[in-house]
C-alpha atoms as a PDB file:
ATOM      1  CA  MET A   1       0.000   0.000   0.000  1.00  0.00           C
ATOM      2  CA  SER A   2       1.410   3.392  -0.958  1.00  0.00           C
ATOM      3  CA  SER A   3       1.949   5.842   1.853  1.00  0.00           C
ATOM      4  CA  THR A   4       0.164   9.162   1.855  1.00  0.00           C
ATOM      5  CA  THR A   5       2.393  12.189   1.299  1.00  0.00           C
ATOM      6  CA  LYS A   6       1.508  15.819   1.720  1.00  0.00           C
ATOM      7  CA  ASP A   7       1.080  16.032  -2.076  1.00  0.00           C
ATOM      8  CA  THR A   8      -1.554  13.278  -2.170  1.00  0.00           C
ATOM      9  CA  PRO A   9      -5.003  14.750  -2.810  1.00  0.00           C
ATOM     10  CA  PRO A  10      -7.464  13.795  -0.039  1.00  0.00           C
ATOM     11  CA  PRO A  11     -10.158  11.235  -0.965  1.00  0.00           C
ATOM     12  CA  LEU A  12     -13.603  12.219  -2.268  1.00  0.00           C
ATOM     13  CA  PRO A  13     -16.011  12.869   0.612  1.00  0.00           C
ATOM     14  CA  GLU A  14     -19.518  11.471   0.763  1.00  0.00           C
ATOM     15  CA  PRO A  15     -21.633  13.632  -1.635  1.00  0.00           C
ATOM     16  CA  LEU A  16     -23.878  16.345  -0.214  1.00  0.00           C
ATOM     17  CA  ARG A  17     -27.593  15.752  -0.736  1.00  0.00           C
ATOM     18  CA  VAL A  18     -28.193  19.479  -1.279  1.00  0.00           C
ATOM     19  CA  ALA A  19     -25.896  21.182  -3.804  1.00  0.00           C
ATOM     20  CA  VAL A  20     -23.796  24.141  -2.625  1.00  0.00           C
ATOM     21  CA  ALA A  21     -21.248  26.641  -3.940  1.00  0.00           C
ATOM     22  CA  ASP A  22     -17.596  27.091  -3.036  1.00  0.00           C
ATOM     23  CA  SER A  23     -17.738  30.846  -2.404  1.00  0.00           C
ATOM     24  CA  HIS A  24     -13.965  31.414  -2.749  1.00  0.00           C
ATOM     25  CA  THR A  25     -11.418  29.380  -4.662  1.00  0.00           C
ATOM     26  CA  HIS A  26      -8.241  29.830  -6.716  1.00  0.00           C
ATOM     27  CA  LEU A  27      -8.461  27.294  -9.560  1.00  0.00           C
ATOM     28  CA  ASP A  28      -5.440  28.932 -11.215  1.00  0.00           C
ATOM     29  CA  MET A  29      -3.242  27.826  -8.289  1.00  0.00           C
ATOM     30  CA  GLN A  30      -4.509  24.219  -8.238  1.00  0.00           C
ATOM     31  CA  ASP A  31      -3.193  21.197 -10.129  1.00  0.00           C
ATOM     32  CA  GLY A  32      -5.159  19.799 -13.062  1.00  0.00           C
ATOM     33  CA  THR A  33      -7.567  21.459 -15.465  1.00  0.00           C
ATOM     34  CA  VAL A  34     -10.621  23.588 -14.699  1.00  0.00           C
ATOM     35  CA  GLU A  35     -12.796  20.834 -16.212  1.00  0.00           C
ATOM     36  CA  GLU A  36     -11.333  18.231 -13.846  1.00  0.00           C
ATOM     37  CA  ALA A  37     -11.793  20.459 -10.797  1.00  0.00           C
ATOM     38  CA  LEU A  38     -15.413  21.257 -11.692  1.00  0.00           C
ATOM     39  CA  ALA A  39     -16.295  17.618 -12.474  1.00  0.00           C
ATOM     40  CA  LYS A  40     -14.784  16.372  -9.216  1.00  0.00           C
ATOM     41  CA  ALA A  41     -16.603  19.087  -7.249  1.00  0.00           C
ATOM     42  CA  ALA A  42     -19.941  18.425  -8.988  1.00  0.00           C
ATOM     43  CA  SER A  43     -19.629  14.697  -8.206  1.00  0.00           C
ATOM     44  CA  VAL A  44     -19.950  15.514  -4.465  1.00  0.00           C
ATOM     45  CA  GLY A  45     -22.605  18.231  -4.790  1.00  0.00           C
ATOM     46  CA  VAL A  46     -20.442  21.344  -5.181  1.00  0.00           C
ATOM     47  CA  THR A  47     -21.985  22.647  -8.386  1.00  0.00           C
ATOM     48  CA  THR A  48     -20.840  26.280  -8.404  1.00  0.00           C
ATOM     49  CA  VAL A  49     -17.513  27.971  -7.653  1.00  0.00           C
ATOM     50  CA  VAL A  50     -16.496  31.591  -7.250  1.00  0.00           C
ATOM     51  CA  GLN A  51     -13.059  32.069  -8.819  1.00  0.00           C
ATOM     52  CA  VAL A  52     -11.214  34.901  -7.116  1.00  0.00           C
ATOM     53  CA  GLY A  53      -8.670  37.279  -8.657  1.00  0.00           C
ATOM     54  CA  CYS A  54      -5.655  38.550  -6.675  1.00  0.00           C
ATOM     55  CA  ASP A  55      -3.838  40.653  -9.275  1.00  0.00           C
ATOM     56  CA  VAL A  56      -4.464  42.031 -12.766  1.00  0.00           C
ATOM     57  CA  LYS A  57      -3.368  38.866 -14.548  1.00  0.00           C
ATOM     58  CA  GLY A  58      -5.338  36.552 -12.214  1.00  0.00           C
ATOM     59  CA  SER A  59      -8.405  38.783 -12.427  1.00  0.00           C
ATOM     60  CA  ARG A  60      -8.316  38.656 -16.239  1.00  0.00           C
ATOM     61  CA  TRP A  61      -8.068  34.862 -16.013  1.00  0.00           C
ATOM     62  CA  ALA A  62     -10.979  34.706 -13.548  1.00  0.00           C
ATOM     63  CA  ALA A  63     -13.187  36.782 -15.869  1.00  0.00           C
ATOM     64  CA  GLU A  64     -12.268  34.656 -18.917  1.00  0.00           C
ATOM     65  CA  THR A  65     -12.883  31.406 -17.014  1.00  0.00           C
ATOM     66  CA  ALA A  66     -16.269  32.579 -15.733  1.00  0.00           C
ATOM     67  CA  ALA A  67     -17.230  33.536 -19.285  1.00  0.00           C
ATOM     68  CA  ALA A  68     -16.298  30.041 -20.492  1.00  0.00           C
ATOM     69  CA  TYR A  69     -17.949  27.935 -17.754  1.00  0.00           C
ATOM     70  CA  GLU A  70     -21.545  28.040 -16.560  1.00  0.00           C
ATOM     71  CA  ALA A  71     -20.511  26.790 -13.085  1.00  0.00           C
ATOM     72  CA  VAL A  72     -17.900  29.509 -12.503  1.00  0.00           C
ATOM     73  CA  HIS A  73     -18.466  33.083 -11.308  1.00  0.00           C
ATOM     74  CA  ALA A  74     -15.594  35.554 -11.051  1.00  0.00           C
ATOM     75  CA  THR A  75     -14.397  38.237  -8.697  1.00  0.00           C
ATOM     76  CA  VAL A  76     -11.621  40.657  -9.632  1.00  0.00           C
ATOM     77  CA  ALA A  77      -9.220  42.678  -7.492  1.00  0.00           C
ATOM     78  CA  LEU A  78      -5.734  43.493  -6.349  1.00  0.00           C
ATOM     79  CA  HIS A  79      -5.061  41.467  -3.187  1.00  0.00           C
ATOM     80  CA  PRO A  80      -4.117  43.650  -0.187  1.00  0.00           C
ATOM     81  CA  ASN A  81      -0.535  42.379  -0.452  1.00  0.00           C
ATOM     82  CA  GLU A  82      -0.454  43.126  -4.177  1.00  0.00           C
ATOM     83  CA  ALA A  83      -1.085  46.887  -3.829  1.00  0.00           C
ATOM     84  CA  PRO A  84       2.142  47.663  -1.894  1.00  0.00           C
ATOM     85  CA  ARG A  85       4.143  45.504  -4.321  1.00  0.00           C
ATOM     86  CA  ILE A  86       2.851  47.548  -7.253  1.00  0.00           C
ATOM     87  CA  VAL A  87       3.697  50.844  -5.540  1.00  0.00           C
ATOM     88  CA  LEU A  88       6.917  49.937  -3.691  1.00  0.00           C
ATOM     89  CA  GLY A  89       8.213  47.103  -5.867  1.00  0.00           C
ATOM     90  CA  ASP A  90       8.859  43.496  -4.951  1.00  0.00           C
ATOM     91  CA  PRO A  91      12.636  42.924  -4.941  1.00  0.00           C
ATOM     92  CA  ASP A  92      12.297  39.385  -3.551  1.00  0.00           C
ATOM     93  CA  GLY A  93       9.871  38.324  -6.255  1.00  0.00           C
ATOM     94  CA  TRP A  94       7.489  36.995  -3.584  1.00  0.00           C
ATOM     95  CA  SER A  95       4.456  37.360  -5.827  1.00  0.00           C
ATOM     96  CA  ARG A  96       3.882  35.137  -8.837  1.00  0.00           C
ATOM     97  CA  GLN A  97       5.121  37.890 -11.177  1.00  0.00           C
ATOM     98  CA  GLY A  98       8.725  37.619  -9.999  1.00  0.00           C
ATOM     99  CA  ALA A  99      10.899  40.585  -8.979  1.00  0.00           C
ATOM    100  CA  ARG A 100       9.312  43.987  -9.711  1.00  0.00           C
ATOM    101  CA  GLU A 101      10.449  47.576  -9.775  1.00  0.00           C
ATOM    102  CA  PRO A 102       8.579  50.204  -7.737  1.00  0.00           C
ATOM    103  CA  GLY A 103       5.790  51.682  -9.887  1.00  0.00           C
ATOM    104  CA  GLY A 104       4.511  54.343  -7.514  1.00  0.00           C
ATOM    105  CA  ASP A 105       0.926  55.601  -7.289  1.00  0.00           C
ATOM    106  CA  ASP A 106       0.589  55.856 -11.068  1.00  0.00           C
ATOM    107  CA  ALA A 107       1.133  52.115 -11.458  1.00  0.00           C
ATOM    108  CA  LEU A 108      -1.491  51.432  -8.778  1.00  0.00           C
ATOM    109  CA  ASP A 109      -3.952  53.742 -10.561  1.00  0.00           C
ATOM    110  CA  ALA A 110      -3.349  51.917 -13.851  1.00  0.00           C
ATOM    111  CA  ALA A 111      -3.917  48.518 -12.200  1.00  0.00           C
ATOM    112  CA  LEU A 112      -7.102  49.776 -10.489  1.00  0.00           C
ATOM    113  CA  ALA A 113      -8.397  51.083 -13.830  1.00  0.00           C
ATOM    114  CA  GLU A 114      -7.982  47.592 -15.261  1.00  0.00           C
ATOM    115  CA  ILE A 115      -9.857  46.043 -12.299  1.00  0.00           C
ATOM    116  CA  ASP A 116     -12.594  48.654 -12.780  1.00  0.00           C
ATOM    117  CA  ALA A 117     -12.999  47.664 -16.447  1.00  0.00           C
ATOM    118  CA  LEU A 118     -13.187  43.951 -15.563  1.00  0.00           C
ATOM    119  CA  ALA A 119     -15.694  44.647 -12.758  1.00  0.00           C
ATOM    120  CA  ALA A 120     -18.153  45.950 -15.370  1.00  0.00           C
ATOM    121  CA  LEU A 121     -18.404  42.511 -17.057  1.00  0.00           C
ATOM    122  CA  PRO A 122     -21.662  40.618 -16.397  1.00  0.00           C
ATOM    123  CA  HIS A 123     -20.017  37.319 -15.379  1.00  0.00           C
ATOM    124  CA  VAL A 124     -17.837  39.153 -12.845  1.00  0.00           C
ATOM    125  CA  ARG A 125     -20.010  38.976  -9.717  1.00  0.00           C
ATOM    126  CA  GLY A 126     -17.733  40.568  -7.177  1.00  0.00           C
ATOM    127  CA  VAL A 127     -14.816  42.867  -6.437  1.00  0.00           C
ATOM    128  CA  GLY A 128     -12.263  41.055  -4.306  1.00  0.00           C
ATOM    129  CA  GLU A 129     -10.307  39.835  -2.661  1.00  0.00           C
ATOM    130  CA  THR A 130      -9.469  43.255  -1.315  1.00  0.00           C
ATOM    131  CA  GLY A 131      -9.068  44.564   2.212  1.00  0.00           C
ATOM    132  CA  LEU A 132      -6.157  44.782   4.644  1.00  0.00           C
ATOM    133  CA  ASP A 133      -3.396  42.417   5.692  1.00  0.00           C
ATOM    134  CA  HIS A 134      -1.379  43.558   8.693  1.00  0.00           C
ATOM    135  CA  PHE A 135       0.295  40.162   8.877  1.00  0.00           C
ATOM    136  CA  ARG A 136       2.359  40.407   5.718  1.00  0.00           C
ATOM    137  CA  THR A 137       2.538  44.123   4.952  1.00  0.00           C
ATOM    138  CA  GLY A 138       4.718  46.376   7.088  1.00  0.00           C
ATOM    139  CA  PRO A 139       3.935  49.987   8.005  1.00  0.00           C
ATOM    140  CA  ASP A 140       5.513  51.239   4.746  1.00  0.00           C
ATOM    141  CA  GLY A 141       2.909  49.355   2.716  1.00  0.00           C
ATOM    142  CA  MET A 142      -0.154  50.398   4.722  1.00  0.00           C
ATOM    143  CA  ALA A 143      -0.880  53.579   2.778  1.00  0.00           C
ATOM    144  CA  ALA A 144      -0.943  51.744  -0.569  1.00  0.00           C
ATOM    145  CA  GLN A 145      -3.052  48.974   0.932  1.00  0.00           C
ATOM    146  CA  GLN A 146      -5.641  51.369   2.336  1.00  0.00           C
ATOM    147  CA  ARG A 147      -5.783  53.456  -0.839  1.00  0.00           C
ATOM    148  CA  SER A 148      -6.354  50.294  -2.862  1.00  0.00           C
ATOM    149  CA  PHE A 149      -9.063  49.033  -0.468  1.00  0.00           C
ATOM    150  CA  ARG A 150     -10.953  52.342  -0.615  1.00  0.00           C
ATOM    151  CA  ALA A 151     -10.758  52.316  -4.420  1.00  0.00           C
ATOM    152  CA  HIS A 152     -12.140  48.754  -4.558  1.00  0.00           C
ATOM    153  CA  ILE A 153     -15.071  49.724  -2.317  1.00  0.00           C
ATOM    154  CA  GLU A 154     -15.908  52.537  -4.731  1.00  0.00           C
ATOM    155  CA  ILE A 155     -15.619  50.198  -7.765  1.00  0.00           C
ATOM    156  CA  ALA A 156     -17.916  47.601  -6.135  1.00  0.00           C
ATOM    157  CA  LYS A 157     -20.538  50.233  -5.348  1.00  0.00           C
ATOM    158  CA  ARG A 158     -20.438  51.835  -8.787  1.00  0.00           C
ATOM    159  CA  HIS A 159     -20.899  48.482 -10.562  1.00  0.00           C
ATOM    160  CA  GLY A 160     -23.350  47.083  -7.983  1.00  0.00           C
ATOM    161  CA  LYS A 161     -21.108  44.087  -7.270  1.00  0.00           C
ATOM    162  CA  ALA A 162     -20.368  42.179  -4.054  1.00  0.00           C
ATOM    163  CA  LEU A 163     -17.247  43.227  -2.118  1.00  0.00           C
ATOM    164  CA  VAL A 164     -15.064  40.283  -1.050  1.00  0.00           C
ATOM    165  CA  ILE A 165     -12.829  41.106   1.895  1.00  0.00           C
ATOM    166  CA  HIS A 166      -9.474  39.680   2.917  1.00  0.00           C
ATOM    167  CA  ASP A 167      -8.967  40.662   6.558  1.00  0.00           C
ATOM    168  CA  ARG A 168      -5.823  39.358   8.202  1.00  0.00           C
ATOM    169  CA  GLU A 169      -5.082  40.706  11.673  1.00  0.00           C
ATOM    170  CA  ALA A 170      -6.773  43.964  10.623  1.00  0.00           C
ATOM    171  CA  HIS A 171     -10.359  43.648  11.906  1.00  0.00           C
ATOM    172  CA  ASP A 172     -10.770  47.129  13.396  1.00  0.00           C
ATOM    173  CA  ASP A 173      -9.244  48.936  10.429  1.00  0.00           C
ATOM    174  CA  VAL A 174     -11.305  46.968   7.901  1.00  0.00           C
ATOM    175  CA  LEU A 175     -14.557  47.688   9.742  1.00  0.00           C
ATOM    176  CA  ARG A 176     -13.577  51.355  10.168  1.00  0.00           C
ATOM    177  CA  ILE A 177     -12.827  51.861   6.454  1.00  0.00           C
ATOM    178  CA  LEU A 178     -16.122  50.168   5.497  1.00  0.00           C
ATOM    179  CA  ARG A 179     -17.899  52.659   7.790  1.00  0.00           C
ATOM    180  CA  GLU A 180     -15.939  55.640   6.463  1.00  0.00           C
ATOM    181  CA  GLU A 181     -16.484  54.801   2.800  1.00  0.00           C
ATOM    182  CA  GLY A 182     -19.995  53.388   3.177  1.00  0.00           C
ATOM    183  CA  ALA A 183     -20.141  49.656   2.473  1.00  0.00           C
ATOM    184  CA  PRO A 184     -21.591  48.237  -0.757  1.00  0.00           C
ATOM    185  CA  GLU A 185     -24.960  46.531  -0.509  1.00  0.00           C
ATOM    186  CA  ARG A 186     -23.317  43.078  -0.347  1.00  0.00           C
ATOM    187  CA  VAL A 187     -20.115  42.441   1.620  1.00  0.00           C
ATOM    188  CA  VAL A 188     -18.471  39.041   2.137  1.00  0.00           C
ATOM    189  CA  PHE A 189     -15.785  38.460   4.760  1.00  0.00           C
ATOM    190  CA  HIS A 190     -13.827  35.694   3.037  1.00  0.00           C
ATOM    191  CA  CYS A 191     -12.127  33.147   5.287  1.00  0.00           C
ATOM    192  CA  TYR A 192     -13.777  34.821   8.252  1.00  0.00           C
ATOM    193  CA  SER A 193     -11.146  35.196  10.961  1.00  0.00           C
ATOM    194  CA  GLY A 194     -12.797  37.317  13.640  1.00  0.00           C
ATOM    195  CA  ASP A 195     -14.224  36.225  16.978  1.00  0.00           C
ATOM    196  CA  ALA A 196     -17.826  35.959  18.159  1.00  0.00           C
ATOM    197  CA  GLU A 197     -17.938  39.653  19.124  1.00  0.00           C
ATOM    198  CA  MET A 198     -16.940  40.678  15.598  1.00  0.00           C
ATOM    199  CA  ALA A 199     -19.463  38.204  14.153  1.00  0.00           C
ATOM    200  CA  LYS A 200     -22.191  40.116  15.995  1.00  0.00           C
ATOM    201  CA  VAL A 201     -20.921  43.403  14.497  1.00  0.00           C
ATOM    202  CA  CYS A 202     -20.897  41.864  10.998  1.00  0.00           C
ATOM    203  CA  ALA A 203     -24.388  40.392  11.484  1.00  0.00           C
ATOM    204  CA  GLU A 204     -25.695  43.760  12.615  1.00  0.00           C
ATOM    205  CA  ALA A 205     -24.313  45.320   9.416  1.00  0.00           C
ATOM    206  CA  GLY A 206     -25.658  42.459   7.254  1.00  0.00           C
ATOM    207  CA  TYR A 207     -22.195  41.329   6.155  1.00  0.00           C
ATOM    208  CA  TYR A 208     -21.818  37.725   4.970  1.00  0.00           C
ATOM    209  CA  MET A 209     -19.268  35.558   6.773  1.00  0.00           C
ATOM    210  CA  SER A 210     -17.606  32.837   4.724  1.00  0.00           C
ATOM    211  CA  PHE A 211     -15.973  30.000   6.665  1.00  0.00           C
ATOM    212  CA  ALA A 212     -13.068  27.951   5.305  1.00  0.00           C
ATOM    213  CA  GLY A 213     -11.345  24.699   6.285  1.00  0.00           C
ATOM    214  CA  ASN A 214      -9.550  26.352   9.197  1.00  0.00           C
ATOM    215  CA  VAL A 215     -12.844  26.261  11.145  1.00  0.00           C
ATOM    216  CA  THR A 216     -12.033  22.529  11.576  1.00  0.00           C
ATOM    217  CA  PHE A 217      -8.558  23.104  13.051  1.00  0.00           C
ATOM    218  CA  LYS A 218      -8.012  22.088  16.695  1.00  0.00           C
ATOM    219  CA  ASN A 219      -6.886  25.556  17.762  1.00  0.00           C
ATOM    220  CA  ALA A 220      -9.795  27.346  16.038  1.00  0.00           C
ATOM    221  CA  GLN A 221     -12.304  27.474  18.911  1.00  0.00           C
ATOM    222  CA  PRO A 222     -12.757  31.294  18.534  1.00  0.00           C
ATOM    223  CA  LEU A 223     -13.785  30.695  14.894  1.00  0.00           C
ATOM    224  CA  ARG A 224     -16.292  28.028  15.928  1.00  0.00           C
ATOM    225  CA  ASP A 225     -17.663  30.421  18.556  1.00  0.00           C
ATOM    226  CA  ALA A 226     -18.086  33.056  15.823  1.00  0.00           C
ATOM    227  CA  LEU A 227     -19.823  30.544  13.534  1.00  0.00           C
ATOM    228  CA  ALA A 228     -22.130  29.545  16.403  1.00  0.00           C
ATOM    229  CA  VAL A 229     -23.479  33.121  16.707  1.00  0.00           C
ATOM    230  CA  ALA A 230     -23.457  33.982  12.964  1.00  0.00           C
ATOM    231  CA  PRO A 231     -27.046  34.049  11.607  1.00  0.00           C
ATOM    232  CA  PRO A 232     -27.656  31.094   9.227  1.00  0.00           C
ATOM    233  CA  GLU A 233     -28.781  33.540   6.507  1.00  0.00           C
ATOM    234  CA  LEU A 234     -25.356  35.233   6.493  1.00  0.00           C
ATOM    235  CA  VAL A 235     -23.106  32.150   6.449  1.00  0.00           C
ATOM    236  CA  LEU A 236     -21.153  30.950   3.382  1.00  0.00           C
ATOM    237  CA  VAL A 237     -18.667  28.105   2.926  1.00  0.00           C
ATOM    238  CA  GLU A 238     -15.422  28.207   0.932  1.00  0.00           C
ATOM    239  CA  THR A 239     -12.203  26.321   0.346  1.00  0.00           C
ATOM    240  CA  ASP A 240      -9.718  29.144  -0.430  1.00  0.00           C
ATOM    241  CA  ALA A 241      -8.102  26.218  -2.263  1.00  0.00           C
ATOM    242  CA  PRO A 242      -5.308  25.229  -2.619  1.00  0.00           C
ATOM    243  CA  PHE A 243      -4.928  26.635   0.924  1.00  0.00           C
ATOM    244  CA  LEU A 244      -6.607  25.853   4.293  1.00  0.00           C
ATOM    245  CA  THR A 245      -7.430  22.181   3.693  1.00  0.00           C
ATOM    246  CA  PRO A 246      -9.862  21.004   6.390  1.00  0.00           C
ATOM    247  CA  ALA A 247      -8.936  18.472   9.079  1.00  0.00           C
ATOM    248  CA  PRO A 248      -8.086  15.606   8.928  1.00  0.00           C
ATOM    249  CA  TYR A 249      -6.303  16.524   5.665  1.00  0.00           C
ATOM    250  CA  ARG A 250      -4.573  19.708   6.847  1.00  0.00           C
ATOM    251  CA  GLY A 251      -1.320  20.301   4.935  1.00  0.00           C
ATOM    252  CA  ARG A 252      -2.497  18.443   1.811  1.00  0.00           C
ATOM    253  CA  PRO A 253      -3.783  20.180  -1.364  1.00  0.00           C
ATOM    254  CA  ASN A 254      -7.253  21.679  -1.036  1.00  0.00           C
ATOM    255  CA  ALA A 255      -9.829  21.822  -3.866  1.00  0.00           C
ATOM    256  CA  PRO A 256     -13.537  22.625  -4.242  1.00  0.00           C
ATOM    257  CA  TYR A 257     -14.527  18.936  -3.904  1.00  0.00           C
ATOM    258  CA  LEU A 258     -13.580  19.094  -0.197  1.00  0.00           C
ATOM    259  CA  ILE A 259     -16.363  21.578   0.646  1.00  0.00           C
ATOM    260  CA  PRO A 260     -18.546  18.768   2.138  1.00  0.00           C
ATOM    261  CA  VAL A 261     -15.911  18.118   4.837  1.00  0.00           C
ATOM    262  CA  THR A 262     -16.040  21.734   6.022  1.00  0.00           C
ATOM    263  CA  LEU A 263     -19.805  22.057   5.615  1.00  0.00           C
ATOM    264  CA  ARG A 264     -20.429  18.993   7.814  1.00  0.00           C
ATOM    265  CA  ALA A 265     -18.146  20.355  10.533  1.00  0.00           C
ATOM    266  CA  MET A 266     -20.007  23.683  10.320  1.00  0.00           C
ATOM    267  CA  ALA A 267     -23.399  21.967  10.634  1.00  0.00           C
ATOM    268  CA  ASP A 268     -22.167  20.305  13.856  1.00  0.00           C
ATOM    269  CA  VAL A 269     -21.087  23.657  15.288  1.00  0.00           C
ATOM    270  CA  LYS A 270     -24.421  25.246  14.414  1.00  0.00           C
ATOM    271  CA  GLY A 271     -26.503  22.313  15.616  1.00  0.00           C
ATOM    272  CA  MET A 272     -28.156  22.137  12.189  1.00  0.00           C
ATOM    273  CA  THR A 273     -28.656  19.189   9.877  1.00  0.00           C
ATOM    274  CA  GLU A 274     -26.308  19.015   6.920  1.00  0.00           C
ATOM    275  CA  GLU A 275     -29.289  19.558   4.558  1.00  0.00           C
ATOM    276  CA  ALA A 276     -30.569  22.611   6.435  1.00  0.00           C
ATOM    277  CA  LEU A 277     -27.159  24.289   6.432  1.00  0.00           C
ATOM    278  CA  ALA A 278     -26.481  23.375   2.779  1.00  0.00           C
ATOM    279  CA  THR A 279     -29.869  24.794   1.767  1.00  0.00           C
ATOM    280  CA  ALA A 280     -29.133  28.061   3.601  1.00  0.00           C
ATOM    281  CA  VAL A 281     -25.569  28.328   2.282  1.00  0.00           C
ATOM    282  CA  ALA A 282     -26.651  27.709  -1.341  1.00  0.00           C
ATOM    283  CA  ALA A 283     -29.267  30.471  -1.148  1.00  0.00           C
ATOM    284  CA  ASN A 284     -26.907  32.837   0.683  1.00  0.00           C
ATOM    285  CA  THR A 285     -24.114  32.444  -1.891  1.00  0.00           C
ATOM    286  CA  ALA A 286     -26.487  33.114  -4.796  1.00  0.00           C
ATOM    287  CA  ARG A 287     -27.848  36.174  -2.992  1.00  0.00           C
ATOM    288  CA  ALA A 288     -24.402  37.478  -2.005  1.00  0.00           C
ATOM    289  CA  PHE A 289     -23.024  37.216  -5.546  1.00  0.00           C
ATOM    290  CA  GLY A 290     -26.232  38.032  -7.402  1.00  0.00           C
ATOM    291  CA  TYR A 291     -26.466  34.929  -9.583  1.00  0.00           C
END
């Protein structure tokens, strides 16, 4: 019998009886073709995916892929860590574009104009992932990050699209900027990472909270507490694949077909049946992204 390595894809879970959507995935960072990923997902009841852009190139790809596949919806944006790299450069080549020279504010404006144009397309259902990341961006990058976030909020509102938020160790600032700018009608906190107190604030504002595989991690009790108080009509499920693979497969490649593992863990936390939660999540995702 072959041993399992960290590169071995986890097995197919038991199919869901009620079909749901993966509200946040990165098919362009996963192995295999789009067709394979969608077929595998559909075989376990994950019939829709939201493909998320993180830079100009990835956002173009997301829009093209959504145009080509009925089951795919797109969001477009500059990731919070992308904005400072455009402005200040990326000497280490950390991003997928390799080493980059500083482009200044003009380069950020040009990239935002491209996101704005893509956001107008009908199969682009959201603007994101945008927001703030205090984990990876130092103080020098904060200004670019905030300017980019504010611009994305404006783009989402002007095109009537959902705003998909990446919030890493930046809860207060993200909520403050949403208040200052005035939030779009539909806001999704992707890979929700706040506590129960913040979940109440989000619920009050009508923001959707999307939970990923990390809700299954041993040390994630604060996330489970947040999920427990989040209203069922504001809860989404996502993979953020290839990242955040749910337990017991943590550390192995994630993909949309693993949504049932996370959804079942979420149903336990909420004291709901799998069918009841799946039914709510499917309706919520369609409502959040307007499809």
